[in-house]
């Protein structure tokens, strides 16, 4: 059985949005600030989807 990832990384944001990896790093940093997370903490797929207004199921297509 294939498992789904829980965390999202800048390269994933790049694939999803079509923008640069630097944009992905900045977006994840903005999400961490919004969620009051520490810089070392991960952003989950569910948090990313909620912040960006996307459906989680749609994101898993890009994360396989």
Protein backbone atom coordinates (compact mmCIF):
# COMPACT_ATOMS: atom_id res chain seq x y z
CA UNK A 1 0.00 0.00 0.00
CA UNK A 2 1.36 3.39 -0.97
CA UNK A 3 1.34 5.99 1.79
CA UNK A 4 0.60 9.67 1.33
CA UNK A 5 2.99 12.32 2.57
CA UNK A 6 1.95 14.61 5.38
CA UNK A 7 4.40 17.48 4.85
CA UNK A 8 4.75 19.81 1.90
CA UNK A 9 8.05 21.21 0.63
CA UNK A 10 9.03 24.14 -1.63
CA UNK A 11 9.54 21.82 -4.61
CA UNK A 12 5.95 20.61 -4.17
CA UNK A 13 4.68 24.20 -4.14
CA UNK A 14 6.66 24.79 -7.33
CA UNK A 15 4.94 21.85 -9.04
CA UNK A 16 1.49 22.86 -7.80
CA UNK A 17 1.66 26.58 -8.61
CA UNK A 18 4.05 26.61 -11.56
CA UNK A 19 6.10 29.31 -9.86
CA UNK A 20 9.71 29.25 -8.69
CA UNK A 21 11.10 27.25 -5.79
CA UNK A 22 11.98 30.52 -4.09
CA UNK A 23 8.29 31.48 -4.21
CA UNK A 24 7.54 28.11 -2.60
CA UNK A 25 9.96 28.80 0.25
CA UNK A 26 8.45 32.24 0.83
CA UNK A 27 4.88 30.93 0.73
CA UNK A 28 5.68 28.22 3.26
CA UNK A 29 7.37 30.83 5.48
CA UNK A 30 4.24 33.02 5.23
CA UNK A 31 2.07 30.05 6.19
CA UNK A 32 4.29 29.36 9.22
CA UNK A 33 3.90 32.97 10.36
CA UNK A 34 0.14 32.84 9.80
CA UNK A 35 -0.15 29.62 11.80
CA UNK A 36 2.29 30.87 14.48
CA UNK A 37 4.70 28.00 13.88
CA UNK A 38 8.40 27.99 14.57
CA UNK A 39 10.75 28.13 11.54
CA UNK A 40 11.82 24.48 12.05
CA UNK A 41 8.24 23.14 12.06
CA UNK A 42 6.74 21.56 8.96
CA UNK A 43 3.65 22.72 7.08
CA UNK A 44 1.19 19.92 6.44
CA UNK A 45 -0.70 19.34 3.22
CA UNK A 46 -3.97 20.10 5.03
CA UNK A 47 -2.64 23.43 6.35
CA UNK A 48 -1.34 24.37 2.89
CA UNK A 49 -4.66 23.50 1.26
CA UNK A 50 -6.65 25.51 3.81
CA UNK A 51 -4.37 28.54 3.45
CA UNK A 52 -4.47 28.48 -0.36
CA UNK A 53 -8.14 27.55 -0.68
CA UNK A 54 -7.49 24.25 -2.44
CA UNK A 55 -8.93 20.77 -1.99
CA UNK A 56 -6.61 18.30 -0.28
CA UNK A 57 -7.56 15.53 -2.71
CA UNK A 58 -6.37 17.68 -5.63
CA UNK A 59 -2.99 18.20 -3.98
CA UNK A 60 -2.33 14.49 -3.51
CA UNK A 61 -2.24 14.12 -7.32
CA UNK A 62 0.91 16.27 -7.35
CA UNK A 63 2.49 14.61 -4.32
CA UNK A 64 2.57 11.03 -5.63
